[in-house]
C-alpha atoms as a PDB file:
ATOM      1  CA  MET A   1     -54.466  48.578-102.354  1.00  0.00           C
ATOM      2  CA  MET A   2     -53.481  52.226-102.006  1.00  0.00           C
ATOM      3  CA  GLY A   3     -54.126  52.094 -98.230  1.00  0.00           C
ATOM      4  CA  LEU A   4     -51.994  48.955 -97.906  1.00  0.00           C
ATOM      5  CA  HIS A   5     -49.163  50.608 -99.904  1.00  0.00           C
ATOM      6  CA  LEU A   6     -49.219  53.668 -97.646  1.00  0.00           C
ATOM      7  CA  SER A   7     -49.265  51.467 -94.551  1.00  0.00           C
ATOM      8  CA  ARG A   8     -46.126  49.631 -95.654  1.00  0.00           C
ATOM      9  CA  ARG A   9     -44.392  52.875 -96.482  1.00  0.00           C
ATOM     10  CA  ALA A  10     -45.397  54.294 -93.115  1.00  0.00           C
ATOM     11  CA  ARG A  11     -43.998  51.242 -91.338  1.00  0.00           C
ATOM     12  CA  LEU A  12     -40.732  51.518 -93.259  1.00  0.00           C
ATOM     13  CA  THR A  13     -40.543  55.214 -92.383  1.00  0.00           C
ATOM     14  CA  LEU A  14     -41.109  54.469 -88.715  1.00  0.00           C
ATOM     15  CA  ILE A  15     -38.450  51.740 -88.758  1.00  0.00           C
ATOM     16  CA  LEU A  16     -36.004  54.102 -90.448  1.00  0.00           C
ATOM     17  CA  LEU A  17     -36.747  56.892 -87.985  1.00  0.00           C
ATOM     18  CA  PHE A  18     -36.297  54.475 -85.095  1.00  0.00           C
ATOM     19  CA  ALA A  19     -32.955  53.258 -86.482  1.00  0.00           C
ATOM     20  CA  VAL A  20     -31.699  56.810 -87.040  1.00  0.00           C
ATOM     21  CA  GLY A  21     -32.869  57.846 -83.588  1.00  0.00           C
ATOM     22  CA  PHE A  22     -31.171  54.841 -82.000  1.00  0.00           C
ATOM     23  CA  ILE A  23     -27.882  55.708 -83.697  1.00  0.00           C
ATOM     24  CA  LEU A  24     -28.129  59.403 -82.858  1.00  0.00           C
ATOM     25  CA  PHE A  25     -28.879  58.735 -79.204  1.00  0.00           C
ATOM     26  CA  MET A  26     -27.001  55.453 -78.734  1.00  0.00           C
ATOM     27  CA  PRO A  27     -25.539  55.230 -75.217  1.00  0.00           C
ATOM     28  CA  MET A  28     -21.740  55.348 -75.206  1.00  0.00           C
ATOM     29  CA  ARG A  29     -21.730  52.261 -72.978  1.00  0.00           C
ATOM     30  CA  ILE A  30     -23.368  50.215 -75.742  1.00  0.00           C
ATOM     31  CA  ALA A  31     -21.053  51.622 -78.419  1.00  0.00           C
ATOM     32  CA  LEU A  32     -17.953  50.708 -76.398  1.00  0.00           C
ATOM     33  CA  GLY A  33     -19.314  47.197 -75.971  1.00  0.00           C
ATOM     34  CA  LEU A  34     -20.067  46.815 -79.682  1.00  0.00           C
ATOM     35  CA  ALA A  35     -16.555  48.025 -80.534  1.00  0.00           C
ATOM     36  CA  GLY A  36     -15.084  45.380 -78.223  1.00  0.00           C
ATOM     37  CA  VAL A  37     -12.808  47.746 -76.316  1.00  0.00           C
ATOM     38  CA  GLU A  38     -12.701  45.339 -73.357  1.00  0.00           C
ATOM     39  CA  ARG A  39     -10.751  42.909 -75.553  1.00  0.00           C
ATOM     40  CA  VAL A  40      -7.924  45.449 -75.815  1.00  0.00           C
ATOM     41  CA  GLY A  41      -7.709  46.060 -72.082  1.00  0.00           C
ATOM     42  CA  VAL A  42     -10.040  49.067 -71.789  1.00  0.00           C
ATOM     43  CA  ALA A  43     -12.322  49.208 -68.755  1.00  0.00           C
ATOM     44  CA  ALA A  44     -14.238  51.853 -66.795  1.00  0.00           C
ATOM     45  CA  ARG A  45     -16.160  52.157 -63.560  1.00  0.00           C
ATOM     46  CA  ASP A  46     -19.053  54.060 -65.133  1.00  0.00           C
ATOM     47  CA  VAL A  47     -20.058  55.359 -68.584  1.00  0.00           C
ATOM     48  CA  ARG A  48     -22.817  57.954 -69.013  1.00  0.00           C
ATOM     49  CA  GLY A  49     -24.124  59.839 -72.035  1.00  0.00           C
ATOM     50  CA  THR A  50     -24.471  59.260 -75.758  1.00  0.00           C
ATOM     51  CA  ILE A  51     -21.851  58.442 -78.369  1.00  0.00           C
ATOM     52  CA  TRP A  52     -21.563  62.159 -79.153  1.00  0.00           C
ATOM     53  CA  ASN A  53     -21.141  63.429 -75.605  1.00  0.00           C
ATOM     54  CA  ALA A  54     -20.292  61.078 -72.769  1.00  0.00           C
ATOM     55  CA  ARG A  55     -18.435  60.960 -69.490  1.00  0.00           C
ATOM     56  CA  ILE A  56     -16.280  57.956 -68.632  1.00  0.00           C
ATOM     57  CA  ASP A  57     -15.284  57.605 -64.981  1.00  0.00           C
ATOM     58  CA  GLN A  58     -12.063  55.870 -63.954  1.00  0.00           C
ATOM     59  CA  LEU A  59     -11.059  54.834 -67.453  1.00  0.00           C
ATOM     60  CA  MET A  60      -8.379  52.120 -67.420  1.00  0.00           C
ATOM     61  CA  LEU A  61      -6.016  51.066 -70.209  1.00  0.00           C
ATOM     62  CA  GLY A  62      -4.671  47.797 -68.890  1.00  0.00           C
ATOM     63  CA  ALA A  63      -3.247  48.653 -65.461  1.00  0.00           C
ATOM     64  CA  MET A  64      -2.798  52.321 -66.386  1.00  0.00           C
ATOM     65  CA  PRO A  65      -5.468  54.648 -64.919  1.00  0.00           C
ATOM     66  CA  LEU A  66      -6.485  57.422 -67.321  1.00  0.00           C
ATOM     67  CA  GLY A  67      -8.947  58.968 -64.855  1.00  0.00           C
ATOM     68  CA  SER A  68     -12.308  60.498 -65.732  1.00  0.00           C
ATOM     69  CA  VAL A  69     -12.648  61.901 -69.254  1.00  0.00           C
ATOM     70  CA  ARG A  70     -15.151  63.291 -71.724  1.00  0.00           C
ATOM     71  CA  ALA A  71     -15.592  61.049 -74.755  1.00  0.00           C
ATOM     72  CA  ALA A  72     -17.169  61.143 -78.210  1.00  0.00           C
ATOM     73  CA  LEU A  73     -17.276  58.820 -81.203  1.00  0.00           C
ATOM     74  CA  SER A  74     -15.681  60.214 -84.364  1.00  0.00           C
ATOM     75  CA  PRO A  75     -18.111  59.777 -87.300  1.00  0.00           C
ATOM     76  CA  VAL A  76     -15.292  60.180 -89.834  1.00  0.00           C
ATOM     77  CA  SER A  77     -13.479  57.102 -88.554  1.00  0.00           C
ATOM     78  CA  LEU A  78     -16.566  54.969 -89.200  1.00  0.00           C
ATOM     79  CA  LEU A  79     -16.096  55.589 -92.933  1.00  0.00           C
ATOM     80  CA  MET A  80     -12.747  53.776 -92.581  1.00  0.00           C
ATOM     81  CA  ALA A  81     -14.366  50.867 -90.710  1.00  0.00           C
ATOM     82  CA  ARG A  82     -12.834  51.985 -87.421  1.00  0.00           C
ATOM     83  CA  ALA A  83     -14.347  53.138 -84.157  1.00  0.00           C
ATOM     84  CA  ARG A  84     -12.360  56.085 -82.835  1.00  0.00           C
ATOM     85  CA  PHE A  85     -13.362  57.320 -79.392  1.00  0.00           C
ATOM     86  CA  ASP A  86     -11.914  60.778 -78.767  1.00  0.00           C
ATOM     87  CA  ILE A  87     -11.166  61.353 -75.090  1.00  0.00           C
ATOM     88  CA  GLU A  88     -10.341  64.597 -73.329  1.00  0.00           C
ATOM     89  CA  ARG A  89      -9.787  66.074 -69.904  1.00  0.00           C
ATOM     90  CA  ARG A  90      -9.020  69.787 -69.886  1.00  0.00           C
ATOM     91  CA  SER A  91      -9.053  71.663 -66.604  1.00  0.00           C
ATOM     92  CA  GLY A  92      -5.707  73.456 -66.793  1.00  0.00           C
ATOM     93  CA  ALA A  93      -4.200  70.943 -64.347  1.00  0.00           C
ATOM     94  CA  ALA A  94      -1.105  68.775 -64.692  1.00  0.00           C
ATOM     95  CA  ASP A  95      -3.245  65.717 -65.480  1.00  0.00           C
ATOM     96  CA  ASP A  96      -4.910  67.197 -68.590  1.00  0.00           C
ATOM     97  CA  LEU A  97      -5.209  64.544 -71.289  1.00  0.00           C
ATOM     98  CA  SER A  98      -6.331  64.327 -74.906  1.00  0.00           C
ATOM     99  CA  GLY A  99      -6.230  61.671 -77.603  1.00  0.00           C
ATOM    100  CA  ALA A 100      -8.252  58.725 -78.826  1.00  0.00           C
ATOM    101  CA  LEU A 101      -8.829  55.000 -78.453  1.00  0.00           C
ATOM    102  CA  THR A 102      -9.190  53.375 -81.872  1.00  0.00           C
ATOM    103  CA  VAL A 103     -10.524  49.904 -82.663  1.00  0.00           C
ATOM    104  CA  GLY A 104     -10.927  48.434 -86.142  1.00  0.00           C
ATOM    105  CA  PHE A 105     -10.748  45.144 -88.028  1.00  0.00           C
ATOM    106  CA  GLY A 106      -7.620  43.471 -86.676  1.00  0.00           C
ATOM    107  CA  ARG A 107      -6.335  46.782 -85.325  1.00  0.00           C
ATOM    108  CA  SER A 108      -6.381  48.459 -81.930  1.00  0.00           C
ATOM    109  CA  GLY A 109      -4.430  51.240 -80.273  1.00  0.00           C
ATOM    110  CA  VAL A 110      -4.257  54.905 -79.322  1.00  0.00           C
ATOM    111  CA  ASP A 111      -3.999  58.020 -81.474  1.00  0.00           C
ATOM    112  CA  ASP A 112      -2.639  61.530 -80.858  1.00  0.00           C
ATOM    113  CA  VAL A 113      -2.310  61.109 -77.086  1.00  0.00           C
ATOM    114  CA  THR A 114      -0.916  64.108 -75.222  1.00  0.00           C
ATOM    115  CA  GLY A 115      -0.749  64.221 -71.439  1.00  0.00           C
ATOM    116  CA  ALA A 116       0.511  62.347 -68.399  1.00  0.00           C
ATOM    117  CA  VAL A 117      -0.545  58.775 -67.631  1.00  0.00           C
ATOM    118  CA  PRO A 118       0.073  57.786 -63.983  1.00  0.00           C
ATOM    119  CA  LEU A 119       1.556  54.328 -63.466  1.00  0.00           C
ATOM    120  CA  GLY A 120       1.510  53.802 -59.723  1.00  0.00           C
ATOM    121  CA  ARG A 121       3.561  50.659 -59.010  1.00  0.00           C
ATOM    122  CA  THR A 122       3.053  49.119 -62.458  1.00  0.00           C
ATOM    123  CA  PHE A 123       6.790  48.740 -63.097  1.00  0.00           C
ATOM    124  CA  ALA A 124       7.938  48.301 -59.470  1.00  0.00           C
ATOM    125  CA  PRO A 125      10.648  48.109 -58.242  1.00  0.00           C
ATOM    126  CA  LEU A 126      11.480  50.637 -60.981  1.00  0.00           C
ATOM    127  CA  PRO A 127      10.092  53.927 -59.594  1.00  0.00           C
ATOM    128  CA  ILE A 128       8.426  55.116 -62.819  1.00  0.00           C
ATOM    129  CA  GLY A 129       5.678  57.448 -61.626  1.00  0.00           C
ATOM    130  CA  SER A 130       4.124  58.377 -64.968  1.00  0.00           C
ATOM    131  CA  LEU A 131       4.588  58.478 -68.733  1.00  0.00           C
ATOM    132  CA  VAL A 132       4.197  61.938 -70.247  1.00  0.00           C
ATOM    133  CA  MET A 133       3.123  61.609 -73.880  1.00  0.00           C
ATOM    134  CA  ASP A 134       3.446  64.179 -76.629  1.00  0.00           C
ATOM    135  CA  ASP A 135       1.296  63.372 -79.683  1.00  0.00           C
ATOM    136  CA  VAL A 136       1.786  59.619 -79.315  1.00  0.00           C
ATOM    137  CA  SER A 137       0.068  57.196 -81.686  1.00  0.00           C
ATOM    138  CA  ALA A 138       0.539  53.437 -81.586  1.00  0.00           C
ATOM    139  CA  TYR A 139      -1.473  50.474 -82.737  1.00  0.00           C
ATOM    140  CA  PHE A 140      -1.276  46.713 -82.956  1.00  0.00           C
ATOM    141  CA  SER A 141      -2.296  44.904 -86.116  1.00  0.00           C
ATOM    142  CA  GLY A 142      -3.331  41.499 -84.883  1.00  0.00           C
ATOM    143  CA  ASP A 143      -0.650  40.560 -82.347  1.00  0.00           C
ATOM    144  CA  ARG A 144       2.070  42.596 -84.040  1.00  0.00           C
ATOM    145  CA  CYS A 145       3.021  46.236 -83.478  1.00  0.00           C
ATOM    146  CA  GLY A 146       1.863  47.955 -86.654  1.00  0.00           C
ATOM    147  CA  HIS A 147       3.044  51.530 -86.087  1.00  0.00           C
ATOM    148  CA  ALA A 148       4.220  53.813 -83.284  1.00  0.00           C
ATOM    149  CA  GLU A 149       5.340  57.435 -83.143  1.00  0.00           C
ATOM    150  CA  GLY A 150       5.533  60.391 -80.767  1.00  0.00           C
ATOM    151  CA  ARG A 151       7.685  61.440 -77.818  1.00  0.00           C
ATOM    152  CA  VAL A 152       7.435  59.829 -74.399  1.00  0.00           C
ATOM    153  CA  ARG A 153       9.043  60.946 -71.131  1.00  0.00           C
ATOM    154  CA  ALA A 154       9.179  58.748 -68.053  1.00  0.00           C
ATOM    155  CA  GLN A 155       8.935  60.718 -64.829  1.00  0.00           C
ATOM    156  CA  MET A 156      10.440  59.045 -61.789  1.00  0.00           C
ATOM    157  CA  ALA A 157       8.418  58.814 -58.586  1.00  0.00           C
ATOM    158  CA  GLY A 158      11.541  58.130 -56.539  1.00  0.00           C
ATOM    159  CA  GLN A 159      15.298  58.310 -56.790  1.00  0.00           C
ATOM    160  CA  PHE A 160      18.073  55.778 -56.776  1.00  0.00           C
ATOM    161  CA  PRO A 161      21.055  56.701 -54.560  1.00  0.00           C
ATOM    162  CA  GLY A 162      23.611  58.712 -56.528  1.00  0.00           C
ATOM    163  CA  LEU A 163      21.382  59.313 -59.588  1.00  0.00           C
ATOM    164  CA  ASN A 164      19.770  62.592 -60.579  1.00  0.00           C
ATOM    165  CA  LEU A 165      16.749  61.728 -62.717  1.00  0.00           C
ATOM    166  CA  SER A 166      14.641  64.776 -61.896  1.00  0.00           C
ATOM    167  CA  GLN A 167      14.274  65.544 -65.616  1.00  0.00           C
ATOM    168  CA  GLY A 168      13.144  62.008 -66.354  1.00  0.00           C
ATOM    169  CA  LEU A 169      14.107  59.890 -69.333  1.00  0.00           C
ATOM    170  CA  SER A 170      12.724  60.508 -72.811  1.00  0.00           C
ATOM    171  CA  GLY A 171      12.660  59.091 -76.325  1.00  0.00           C
ATOM    172  CA  MET A 172      10.535  58.342 -79.371  1.00  0.00           C
ATOM    173  CA  ALA A 173       8.013  55.494 -79.553  1.00  0.00           C
ATOM    174  CA  SER A 174       8.606  52.876 -82.250  1.00  0.00           C
ATOM    175  CA  CYS A 175       7.927  49.244 -83.112  1.00  0.00           C
ATOM    176  CA  ASP A 176      10.361  46.409 -82.456  1.00  0.00           C
ATOM    177  CA  GLY A 177       8.960  43.314 -84.125  1.00  0.00           C
ATOM    178  CA  ASP A 178       5.797  42.338 -82.267  1.00  0.00           C
ATOM    179  CA  ALA A 179       6.409  44.787 -79.423  1.00  0.00           C
ATOM    180  CA  LEU A 180       5.813  48.486 -78.878  1.00  0.00           C
ATOM    181  CA  LEU A 181       9.229  49.921 -77.993  1.00  0.00           C
ATOM    182  CA  LEU A 182       9.912  52.948 -75.777  1.00  0.00           C
ATOM    183  CA  PRO A 183      13.707  53.536 -75.747  1.00  0.00           C
ATOM    184  CA  LEU A 184      14.186  56.279 -73.155  1.00  0.00           C
ATOM    185  CA  ALA A 185      17.378  57.978 -71.982  1.00  0.00           C
ATOM    186  CA  SER A 186      18.388  60.658 -69.470  1.00  0.00           C
ATOM    187  CA  GLN A 187      19.906  63.976 -70.532  1.00  0.00           C
ATOM    188  CA  SER A 188      23.415  62.645 -69.918  1.00  0.00           C
ATOM    189  CA  GLY A 189      22.719  59.420 -71.803  1.00  0.00           C
ATOM    190  CA  MET A 190      24.301  57.423 -68.974  1.00  0.00           C
ATOM    191  CA  GLU A 191      20.922  56.176 -67.748  1.00  0.00           C
ATOM    192  CA  LYS A 192      18.639  54.316 -70.128  1.00  0.00           C
ATOM    193  CA  LEU A 193      15.196  52.788 -69.700  1.00  0.00           C
ATOM    194  CA  THR A 194      13.852  50.427 -72.346  1.00  0.00           C
ATOM    195  CA  LEU A 195      10.176  49.443 -72.257  1.00  0.00           C
ATOM    196  CA  ARG A 196       8.740  46.752 -74.522  1.00  0.00           C
ATOM    197  CA  ILE A 197       4.988  46.132 -74.468  1.00  0.00           C
ATOM    198  CA  TRP A 198       3.215  43.362 -76.371  1.00  0.00           C
ATOM    199  CA  ARG A 199      -0.392  43.118 -77.555  1.00  0.00           C
ATOM    200  CA  SER A 200      -1.185  40.667 -74.758  1.00  0.00           C
ATOM    201  CA  GLY A 201      -0.189  43.279 -72.168  1.00  0.00           C
ATOM    202  CA  ARG A 202       3.080  41.539 -71.322  1.00  0.00           C
ATOM    203  CA  TYR A 203       5.949  43.939 -70.783  1.00  0.00           C
ATOM    204  CA  VAL A 204       9.689  43.968 -70.153  1.00  0.00           C
ATOM    205  CA  ALA A 205      11.228  47.052 -68.543  1.00  0.00           C
ATOM    206  CA  GLU A 206      15.006  47.307 -68.336  1.00  0.00           C
ATOM    207  CA  MET A 207      16.967  50.126 -66.728  1.00  0.00           C
ATOM    208  CA  ARG A 208      20.682  50.380 -67.498  1.00  0.00           C
ATOM    209  CA  VAL A 209      23.130  52.704 -65.769  1.00  0.00           C
ATOM    210  CA  GLU A 210      26.624  53.163 -67.196  1.00  0.00           C
ATOM    211  CA  THR A 211      29.026  53.942 -64.380  1.00  0.00           C
ATOM    212  CA  ALA A 212      32.645  53.496 -63.324  1.00  0.00           C
ATOM    213  CA  ASP A 213      31.894  54.840 -59.848  1.00  0.00           C
ATOM    214  CA  ALA A 214      32.327  51.963 -57.382  1.00  0.00           C
ATOM    215  CA  THR A 215      30.248  53.702 -54.699  1.00  0.00           C
ATOM    216  CA  LEU A 216      27.346  54.250 -57.109  1.00  0.00           C
ATOM    217  CA  ALA A 217      27.662  50.686 -58.410  1.00  0.00           C
ATOM    218  CA  ASP A 218      27.447  49.325 -54.867  1.00  0.00           C
ATOM    219  CA  ALA A 219      24.410  51.498 -54.095  1.00  0.00           C
ATOM    220  CA  LEU A 220      22.657  50.299 -57.255  1.00  0.00           C
ATOM    221  CA  ALA A 221      23.512  46.694 -56.417  1.00  0.00           C
ATOM    222  CA  LYS A 222      21.716  47.109 -53.082  1.00  0.00           C
ATOM    223  CA  SER A 223      18.666  48.314 -55.066  1.00  0.00           C
ATOM    224  CA  GLY A 224      18.612  45.137 -57.153  1.00  0.00           C
ATOM    225  CA  PHE A 225      20.811  46.125 -60.100  1.00  0.00           C
ATOM    226  CA  ALA A 226      23.038  43.379 -61.506  1.00  0.00           C
ATOM    227  CA  GLY A 227      26.480  43.984 -62.934  1.00  0.00           C
ATOM    228  CA  VAL A 228      26.726  43.578 -66.723  1.00  0.00           C
ATOM    229  CA  GLY A 229      30.119  44.629 -68.044  1.00  0.00           C
ATOM    230  CA  GLY A 230      30.676  48.229 -66.999  1.00  0.00           C
ATOM    231  CA  ALA A 231      26.976  48.833 -66.355  1.00  0.00           C
ATOM    232  CA  ARG A 232      24.343  48.098 -63.741  1.00  0.00           C
ATOM    233  CA  VAL A 233      21.070  46.636 -65.022  1.00  0.00           C
ATOM    234  CA  LEU A 234      17.652  46.091 -63.434  1.00  0.00           C
ATOM    235  CA  LYS A 235      15.110  44.123 -65.432  1.00  0.00           C
ATOM    236  CA  VAL A 236      11.412  43.811 -64.596  1.00  0.00           C
ATOM    237  CA  GLU A 237       8.812  41.679 -66.383  1.00  0.00           C
ATOM    238  CA  GLY A 238       5.072  41.504 -65.895  1.00  0.00           C
ATOM    239  CA  THR A 239       1.626  42.092 -67.394  1.00  0.00           C
ATOM    240  CA  LEU A 240      -0.272  45.354 -67.567  1.00  0.00           C
END
C-alpha cells in the first residue's frame, strides 16, 4: 500500500511539473491563439519564442502594420483575468514603438501605446501617412467603446494645394457612443480631421477645412472636397 501511495504521489508530482513547465515555456504563438487575438483583428507573419520573450514579425492591427516587435505576456494582468501582451521596438529610430495588446472577458484594446503607426493608403484619398501616439489607451467592451485616452497626431503623407499641414493634426482620444473618436485639428484650428472607429473595424474619416478663400476652395473641390456652408469637407468610409 505504501508503494502504491508513493506511486500516485509521484505521478501527481510529474503531472504538476509538466504543467508548470508547459506554462513557463509555452510558445507565444499558442498563447496568442488561446487569447483569441485574431478575433480583434491582430495577425502576424511569424511568431517565435516563449510567452516571456518572443519576437513577432510583421504584426498587424487590422490594416495597420505595427512591424516587427519584441513581446511578452504580463503575469500581473492574468490576476485580473486579462491577457496583456507587452510589445516593444526600441532601436533609436523614428519607428520605435511600445505599448500592449490586451484581451479579456468581453474586452479588447490597446494600452499605453507610444510611437508612430504607419497607415499607408488606409484612409485614401485622405493622405494620412501615420498616427503618432503618446500614451494612448483604448478598449472596447463588447461592441461599445469602453474607454479611450491619450494624445494622437496625424502626420500627412501628402499635401492639399494651399494647405500647410506639415505639423499634422492632433487631439485627444475619447469615446463617442459605440465608436472610438479621434478629433484632430491643425495648429490654426481651420483644418480638422475626425476619425471614428468601431469594434467591427468600420471607420469614418472626415476632413473639414474652414476657408473663405475662393482659390483654395476651388483647389479643394478638385481634390474631392464638397462645399458645406463656409467649409470644404471630404468624407471617407471603409473597414480597417
